[in-house]
Amino acid sequence: ALQALEQLPPRMRAVVVLRCYEGLTEAE
């Protein structure tokens, strides 16, 4: 899972981390 996450571009990875791990809303 971490290897797959590493393969995402930086902006996409930040969005996935903030949305899925941090649980932020789309607006946040």
PDB file of all heavy atoms in Angstrom:
ATOM      1  N   ALA A   1       0.840  -1.207   0.000  1.00  0.00           N
ATOM      2  CA  ALA A   1       0.000   0.000   0.000  1.00  0.00           C
ATOM      3  C   ALA A   1       0.870   1.251   0.000  1.00  0.00           C
ATOM      4  O   ALA A   1       0.593   2.208  -0.725  1.00  0.00           O
ATOM      5  CB  ALA A   1      -0.936  -0.008   1.203  1.00  0.00           C
ATOM      6  N   LEU A   2       1.941   1.245   0.789  1.00  0.00           N
ATOM      7  CA  LEU A   2       2.839   2.395   0.813  1.00  0.00           C
ATOM      8  C   LEU A   2       3.570   2.558  -0.519  1.00  0.00           C
ATOM      9  O   LEU A   2       3.762   3.672  -0.989  1.00  0.00           O
ATOM     10  CB  LEU A   2       3.836   2.281   1.958  1.00  0.00           C
ATOM     11  CG  LEU A   2       3.265   2.535   3.351  1.00  0.00           C
ATOM     12  CD1 LEU A   2       4.300   2.243   4.427  1.00  0.00           C
ATOM     13  CD2 LEU A   2       2.753   3.955   3.474  1.00  0.00           C
ATOM     14  N   GLN A   3       3.963   1.436  -1.122  1.00  0.00           N
ATOM     15  CA  GLN A   3       4.614   1.509  -2.428  1.00  0.00           C
ATOM     16  C   GLN A   3       3.662   2.078  -3.479  1.00  0.00           C
ATOM     17  O   GLN A   3       4.056   2.881  -4.315  1.00  0.00           O
ATOM     18  CB  GLN A   3       5.096   0.130  -2.873  1.00  0.00           C
ATOM     19  CG  GLN A   3       6.329  -0.344  -2.150  1.00  0.00           C
ATOM     20  CD  GLN A   3       6.713  -1.753  -2.554  1.00  0.00           C
ATOM     21  OE1 GLN A   3       5.906  -2.517  -3.070  1.00  0.00           O
ATOM     22  NE2 GLN A   3       7.970  -2.106  -2.313  1.00  0.00           N
ATOM     23  N   ALA A   4       2.407   1.655  -3.407  1.00  0.00           N
ATOM     24  CA  ALA A   4       1.414   2.178  -4.356  1.00  0.00           C
ATOM     25  C   ALA A   4       1.199   3.671  -4.114  1.00  0.00           C
ATOM     26  O   ALA A   4       1.106   4.458  -5.065  1.00  0.00           O
ATOM     27  CB  ALA A   4       0.097   1.417  -4.209  1.00  0.00           C
ATOM     28  N   LEU A   5       1.149   4.080  -2.850  1.00  0.00           N
ATOM     29  CA  LEU A   5       0.969   5.489  -2.509  1.00  0.00           C
ATOM     30  C   LEU A   5       2.141   6.321  -3.018  1.00  0.00           C
ATOM     31  O   LEU A   5       1.967   7.442  -3.500  1.00  0.00           O
ATOM     32  CB  LEU A   5       0.816   5.631  -0.999  1.00  0.00           C
ATOM     33  CG  LEU A   5       0.334   6.960  -0.444  1.00  0.00           C
ATOM     34  CD1 LEU A   5      -1.031   7.318  -0.999  1.00  0.00           C
ATOM     35  CD2 LEU A   5       0.296   6.919   1.071  1.00  0.00           C
ATOM     36  N   GLU A   6       3.356   5.756  -2.956  1.00  0.00           N
ATOM     37  CA  GLU A   6       4.551   6.449  -3.451  1.00  0.00           C
ATOM     38  C   GLU A   6       4.486   6.722  -4.940  1.00  0.00           C
ATOM     39  O   GLU A   6       5.109   7.658  -5.431  1.00  0.00           O
ATOM     40  CB  GLU A   6       5.805   5.609  -3.185  1.00  0.00           C
ATOM     41  CG  GLU A   6       6.299   5.647  -1.786  1.00  0.00           C
ATOM     42  CD  GLU A   6       7.535   4.771  -1.600  1.00  0.00           C
ATOM     43  OE1 GLU A   6       7.864   3.962  -2.494  1.00  0.00           O
ATOM     44  OE2 GLU A   6       8.170   4.898  -0.559  1.00  0.00           O
ATOM     45  N   GLN A   7       3.759   5.900  -5.676  1.00  0.00           N
ATOM     46  CA  GLN A   7       3.711   6.043  -7.127  1.00  0.00           C
ATOM     47  C   GLN A   7       2.757   7.150  -7.584  1.00  0.00           C
ATOM     48  O   GLN A   7       2.743   7.492  -8.761  1.00  0.00           O
ATOM     49  CB  GLN A   7       3.327   4.709  -7.770  1.00  0.00           C
ATOM     50  CG  GLN A   7       4.402   3.661  -7.577  1.00  0.00           C
ATOM     51  CD  GLN A   7       4.042   2.341  -8.227  1.00  0.00           C
ATOM     52  OE1 GLN A   7       3.332   2.298  -9.221  1.00  0.00           O
ATOM     53  NE2 GLN A   7       4.537   1.252  -7.653  1.00  0.00           N
ATOM     54  N   LEU A   8       1.981   7.692  -6.658  1.00  0.00           N
ATOM     55  CA  LEU A   8       1.087   8.785  -7.023  1.00  0.00           C
ATOM     56  C   LEU A   8       1.863  10.091  -7.094  1.00  0.00           C
ATOM     57  O   LEU A   8       2.802  10.303  -6.335  1.00  0.00           O
ATOM     58  CB  LEU A   8      -0.025   8.932  -5.977  1.00  0.00           C
ATOM     59  CG  LEU A   8      -0.972   7.755  -5.789  1.00  0.00           C
ATOM     60  CD1 LEU A   8      -2.012   8.089  -4.725  1.00  0.00           C
ATOM     61  CD2 LEU A   8      -1.646   7.374  -7.089  1.00  0.00           C
ATOM     62  N   PRO A   9       1.465  10.993  -7.993  1.00  0.00           N
ATOM     63  CA  PRO A   9       2.096  12.317  -8.028  1.00  0.00           C
ATOM     64  C   PRO A   9       1.860  13.048  -6.708  1.00  0.00           C
ATOM     65  O   PRO A   9       0.886  12.765  -6.003  1.00  0.00           O
ATOM     66  CB  PRO A   9       1.363  13.030  -9.180  1.00  0.00           C
ATOM     67  CG  PRO A   9       0.713  11.952  -9.968  1.00  0.00           C
ATOM     68  CD  PRO A   9       0.459  10.812  -9.043  1.00  0.00           C
ATOM     69  N   PRO A  10       2.725  13.995  -6.348  1.00  0.00           N
ATOM     70  CA  PRO A  10       2.646  14.648  -5.033  1.00  0.00           C
ATOM     71  C   PRO A  10       1.283  15.256  -4.696  1.00  0.00           C
ATOM     72  O   PRO A  10       0.785  15.060  -3.595  1.00  0.00           O
ATOM     73  CB  PRO A  10       3.710  15.746  -5.107  1.00  0.00           C
ATOM     74  CG  PRO A  10       4.658  15.284  -6.152  1.00  0.00           C
ATOM     75  CD  PRO A  10       3.865  14.476  -7.116  1.00  0.00           C
ATOM     76  N   ARG A  11       0.672  15.964  -5.610  1.00  0.00           N
ATOM     77  CA  ARG A  11      -0.617  16.600  -5.318  1.00  0.00           C
ATOM     78  C   ARG A  11      -1.698  15.538  -5.094  1.00  0.00           C
ATOM     79  O   ARG A  11      -2.482  15.624  -4.159  1.00  0.00           O
ATOM     80  CB  ARG A  11      -1.003  17.540  -6.463  1.00  0.00           C
ATOM     81  CG  ARG A  11      -2.401  18.117  -6.366  1.00  0.00           C
ATOM     82  CD  ARG A  11      -2.534  19.174  -5.331  1.00  0.00           C
ATOM     83  NE  ARG A  11      -2.029  20.415  -5.860  1.00  0.00           N
ATOM     84  CZ  ARG A  11      -2.105  21.554  -5.219  1.00  0.00           C
ATOM     85  NH1 ARG A  11      -2.665  21.618  -4.049  1.00  0.00           N
ATOM     86  NH2 ARG A  11      -1.609  22.633  -5.730  1.00  0.00           N
ATOM     87  N   MET A  12      -1.723  14.528  -5.934  1.00  0.00           N
ATOM     88  CA  MET A  12      -2.702  13.455  -5.816  1.00  0.00           C
ATOM     89  C   MET A  12      -2.508  12.706  -4.504  1.00  0.00           C
ATOM     90  O   MET A  12      -3.463  12.368  -3.804  1.00  0.00           O
ATOM     91  CB  MET A  12      -2.578  12.498  -7.002  1.00  0.00           C
ATOM     92  CG  MET A  12      -3.692  11.485  -7.122  1.00  0.00           C
ATOM     93  SD  MET A  12      -3.473  10.420  -8.568  1.00  0.00           S
ATOM     94  CE  MET A  12      -3.812  11.576  -9.896  1.00  0.00           C
ATOM     95  N   ARG A  13      -1.256  12.467  -4.164  1.00  0.00           N
ATOM     96  CA  ARG A  13      -0.937  11.773  -2.920  1.00  0.00           C
ATOM     97  C   ARG A  13      -1.386  12.585  -1.717  1.00  0.00           C
ATOM     98  O   ARG A  13      -1.974  12.057  -0.776  1.00  0.00           O
ATOM     99  CB  ARG A  13       0.570  11.546  -2.859  1.00  0.00           C
ATOM    100  CG  ARG A  13       1.024  10.781  -1.669  1.00  0.00           C
ATOM    101  CD  ARG A  13       2.501  10.558  -1.764  1.00  0.00           C
ATOM    102  NE  ARG A  13       2.981   9.782  -0.656  1.00  0.00           N
ATOM    103  CZ  ARG A  13       4.139   9.205  -0.607  1.00  0.00           C
ATOM    104  NH1 ARG A  13       4.965   9.301  -1.625  1.00  0.00           N
ATOM    105  NH2 ARG A  13       4.510   8.520   0.441  1.00  0.00           N
ATOM    106  N   ALA A  14      -1.157  13.900  -1.754  1.00  0.00           N
ATOM    107  CA  ALA A  14      -1.588  14.765  -0.657  1.00  0.00           C
ATOM    108  C   ALA A  14      -3.103  14.729  -0.506  1.00  0.00           C
ATOM    109  O   ALA A  14      -3.630  14.658   0.618  1.00  0.00           O
ATOM    110  CB  ALA A  14      -1.098  16.191  -0.884  1.00  0.00           C
ATOM    111  N   VAL A  15      -3.828  14.753  -1.622  1.00  0.00           N
ATOM    112  CA  VAL A  15      -5.288  14.697  -1.564  1.00  0.00           C
ATOM    113  C   VAL A  15      -5.751  13.385  -0.946  1.00  0.00           C
ATOM    114  O   VAL A  15      -6.613  13.369  -0.056  1.00  0.00           O
ATOM    115  CB  VAL A  15      -5.906  14.886  -2.974  1.00  0.00           C
ATOM    116  CG1 VAL A  15      -7.390  14.544  -2.977  1.00  0.00           C
ATOM    117  CG2 VAL A  15      -5.701  16.304  -3.467  1.00  0.00           C
ATOM    118  N   VAL A  16      -5.171  12.269  -1.373  1.00  0.00           N
ATOM    119  CA  VAL A  16      -5.570  10.960  -0.842  1.00  0.00           C
ATOM    120  C   VAL A  16      -5.264  10.876   0.654  1.00  0.00           C
ATOM    121  O   VAL A  16      -6.092  10.414   1.443  1.00  0.00           O
ATOM    122  CB  VAL A  16      -4.879   9.816  -1.624  1.00  0.00           C
ATOM    123  CG1 VAL A  16      -5.075   8.479  -0.940  1.00  0.00           C
ATOM    124  CG2 VAL A  16      -5.406   9.771  -3.054  1.00  0.00           C
ATOM    125  N   VAL A  17      -4.094  11.349   1.070  1.00  0.00           N
ATOM    126  CA  VAL A  17      -3.736  11.304   2.495  1.00  0.00           C
ATOM    127  C   VAL A  17      -4.681  12.177   3.314  1.00  0.00           C
ATOM    128  O   VAL A  17      -5.195  11.754   4.349  1.00  0.00           O
ATOM    129  CB  VAL A  17      -2.264  11.740   2.713  1.00  0.00           C
ATOM    130  CG1 VAL A  17      -1.974  11.978   4.179  1.00  0.00           C
ATOM    131  CG2 VAL A  17      -1.319  10.681   2.154  1.00  0.00           C
ATOM    132  N   LEU A  18      -4.931  13.390   2.853  1.00  0.00           N
ATOM    133  CA  LEU A  18      -5.791  14.297   3.613  1.00  0.00           C
ATOM    134  C   LEU A  18      -7.235  13.817   3.644  1.00  0.00           C
ATOM    135  O   LEU A  18      -7.907  13.919   4.676  1.00  0.00           O
ATOM    136  CB  LEU A  18      -5.718  15.719   3.040  1.00  0.00           C
ATOM    137  CG  LEU A  18      -4.372  16.416   3.204  1.00  0.00           C
ATOM    138  CD1 LEU A  18      -4.379  17.752   2.467  1.00  0.00           C
ATOM    139  CD2 LEU A  18      -4.025  16.614   4.670  1.00  0.00           C
ATOM    140  N   ARG A  19      -7.740  13.275   2.547  1.00  0.00           N
ATOM    141  CA  ARG A  19      -9.129  12.818   2.504  1.00  0.00           C
ATOM    142  C   ARG A  19      -9.307  11.494   3.233  1.00  0.00           C
ATOM    143  O   ARG A  19     -10.216  11.357   4.038  1.00  0.00           O
ATOM    144  CB  ARG A  19      -9.589  12.659   1.039  1.00  0.00           C
ATOM    145  CG  ARG A  19      -9.761  13.933   0.295  1.00  0.00           C
ATOM    146  CD  ARG A  19     -11.074  14.641   0.585  1.00  0.00           C
ATOM    147  NE  ARG A  19     -12.205  13.856   0.127  1.00  0.00           N
ATOM    148  CZ  ARG A  19     -13.257  13.589   0.884  1.00  0.00           C
ATOM    149  NH1 ARG A  19     -13.362  14.049   2.092  1.00  0.00           N
ATOM    150  NH2 ARG A  19     -14.251  12.857   0.413  1.00  0.00           N
ATOM    151  N   CYS A  20      -8.453  10.522   2.943  1.00  0.00           N
ATOM    152  CA  CYS A  20      -8.667   9.170   3.464  1.00  0.00           C
ATOM    153  C   CYS A  20      -8.052   8.937   4.837  1.00  0.00           C
ATOM    154  O   CYS A  20      -8.631   8.245   5.661  1.00  0.00           O
ATOM    155  CB  CYS A  20      -8.133   8.144   2.472  1.00  0.00           C
ATOM    156  SG  CYS A  20      -8.970   8.229   0.886  1.00  0.00           S
ATOM    157  N   TYR A  21      -6.883   9.462   5.087  1.00  0.00           N
ATOM    158  CA  TYR A  21      -6.232   9.230   6.369  1.00  0.00           C
ATOM    159  C   TYR A  21      -6.645  10.269   7.403  1.00  0.00           C
ATOM    160  O   TYR A  21      -7.015   9.944   8.512  1.00  0.00           O
ATOM    161  CB  TYR A  21      -4.709   9.221   6.214  1.00  0.00           C
ATOM    162  CG  TYR A  21      -4.012   8.992   7.531  1.00  0.00           C
ATOM    163  CD1 TYR A  21      -3.992   7.723   8.109  1.00  0.00           C
ATOM    164  CD2 TYR A  21      -3.431  10.032   8.223  1.00  0.00           C
ATOM    165  CE1 TYR A  21      -3.387   7.511   9.333  1.00  0.00           C
ATOM    166  CE2 TYR A  21      -2.832   9.823   9.450  1.00  0.00           C
ATOM    167  CZ  TYR A  21      -2.807   8.568   9.999  1.00  0.00           C
ATOM    168  OH  TYR A  21      -2.223   8.364  11.215  1.00  0.00           O
ATOM    169  N   GLU A  22      -6.584  11.534   7.029  1.00  0.00           N
ATOM    170  CA  GLU A  22      -6.929  12.605   7.959  1.00  0.00           C
ATOM    171  C   GLU A  22      -8.440  12.796   8.073  1.00  0.00           C
ATOM    172  O   GLU A  22      -8.907  13.409   9.007  1.00  0.00           O
ATOM    173  CB  GLU A  22      -6.279  13.923   7.530  1.00  0.00           C
ATOM    174  CG  GLU A  22      -4.823  14.007   7.868  1.00  0.00           C
ATOM    175  CD  GLU A  22      -4.578  14.166   9.356  1.00  0.00           C
ATOM    176  OE1 GLU A  22      -4.896  15.217   9.917  1.00  0.00           O
ATOM    177  OE2 GLU A  22      -4.050  13.205   9.944  1.00  0.00           O
ATOM    178  N   GLY A  23      -9.200  12.312   7.102  1.00  0.00           N
ATOM    179  CA  GLY A  23     -10.648  12.402   7.159  1.00  0.00           C
ATOM    180  C   GLY A  23     -11.197  13.802   6.915  1.00  0.00           C
ATOM    181  O   GLY A  23     -12.284  14.136   7.379  1.00  0.00           O
ATOM    182  N   LEU A  24     -10.456  14.618   6.173  1.00  0.00           N
ATOM    183  CA  LEU A  24     -10.932  15.959   5.871  1.00  0.00           C
ATOM    184  C   LEU A  24     -12.028  15.901   4.803  1.00  0.00           C
ATOM    185  O   LEU A  24     -12.033  14.998   3.967  1.00  0.00           O
ATOM    186  CB  LEU A  24      -9.788  16.839   5.358  1.00  0.00           C
ATOM    187  CG  LEU A  24      -8.627  17.113   6.310  1.00  0.00           C
ATOM    188  CD1 LEU A  24      -7.652  18.079   5.667  1.00  0.00           C
ATOM    189  CD2 LEU A  24      -9.114  17.666   7.627  1.00  0.00           C
ATOM    190  N   THR A  25     -12.915  16.873   4.829  1.00  0.00           N
ATOM    191  CA  THR A  25     -13.917  16.977   3.781  1.00  0.00           C
ATOM    192  C   THR A  25     -13.240  17.480   2.516  1.00  0.00           C
ATOM    193  O   THR A  25     -12.092  17.936   2.552  1.00  0.00           O
ATOM    194  CB  THR A  25     -15.032  17.960   4.181  1.00  0.00           C
ATOM    195  OG1 THR A  25     -14.469  19.276   4.293  1.00  0.00           O
ATOM    196  CG2 THR A  25     -15.698  17.553   5.484  1.00  0.00           C
ATOM    197  N   GLU A  26     -13.978  17.440   1.419  1.00  0.00           N
ATOM    198  CA  GLU A  26     -13.418  17.942   0.166  1.00  0.00           C
ATOM    199  C   GLU A  26     -13.102  19.432   0.279  1.00  0.00           C
ATOM    200  O   GLU A  26     -12.064  19.893  -0.190  1.00  0.00           O
ATOM    201  CB  GLU A  26     -14.395  17.685  -0.981  1.00  0.00           C
ATOM    202  CG  GLU A  26     -14.518  16.211  -1.306  1.00  0.00           C
ATOM    203  CD  GLU A  26     -15.701  15.889  -2.197  1.00  0.00           C
ATOM    204  OE1 GLU A  26     -16.659  16.692  -2.276  1.00  0.00           O
ATOM    205  OE2 GLU A  26     -15.678  14.812  -2.802  1.00  0.00           O
ATOM    206  N   ALA A  27     -13.997  20.179   0.923  1.00  0.00           N
ATOM    207  CA  ALA A  27     -13.787  21.619   1.075  1.00  0.00           C
ATOM    208  C   ALA A  27     -12.568  21.911   1.954  1.00  0.00           C
ATOM    209  O   ALA A  27     -11.770  22.804   1.649  1.00  0.00           O
ATOM    210  CB  ALA A  27     -15.032  22.275   1.667  1.00  0.00           C
ATOM    211  N   GLU A  28     -12.417  21.154   3.045  1.00  0.00           N
ATOM    212  CA  GLU A  28     -11.262  21.357   3.927  1.00  0.00           C
ATOM    213  C   GLU A  28      -9.964  21.012   3.205  1.00  0.00           C
ATOM    214  O   GLU A  28      -8.963  21.711   3.347  1.00  0.00           O
ATOM    215  CB  GLU A  28     -11.407  20.492   5.189  1.00  0.00           C
ATOM    216  CG  GLU A  28     -12.512  20.936   6.121  1.00  0.00           C
ATOM    217  CD  GLU A  28     -12.803  19.925   7.212  1.00  0.00           C
ATOM    218  OE1 GLU A  28     -12.556  18.712   7.018  1.00  0.00           O
ATOM    219  OE2 GLU A  28     -13.303  20.349   8.271  1.00  0.00           O
TER     220      GLU A  28
END
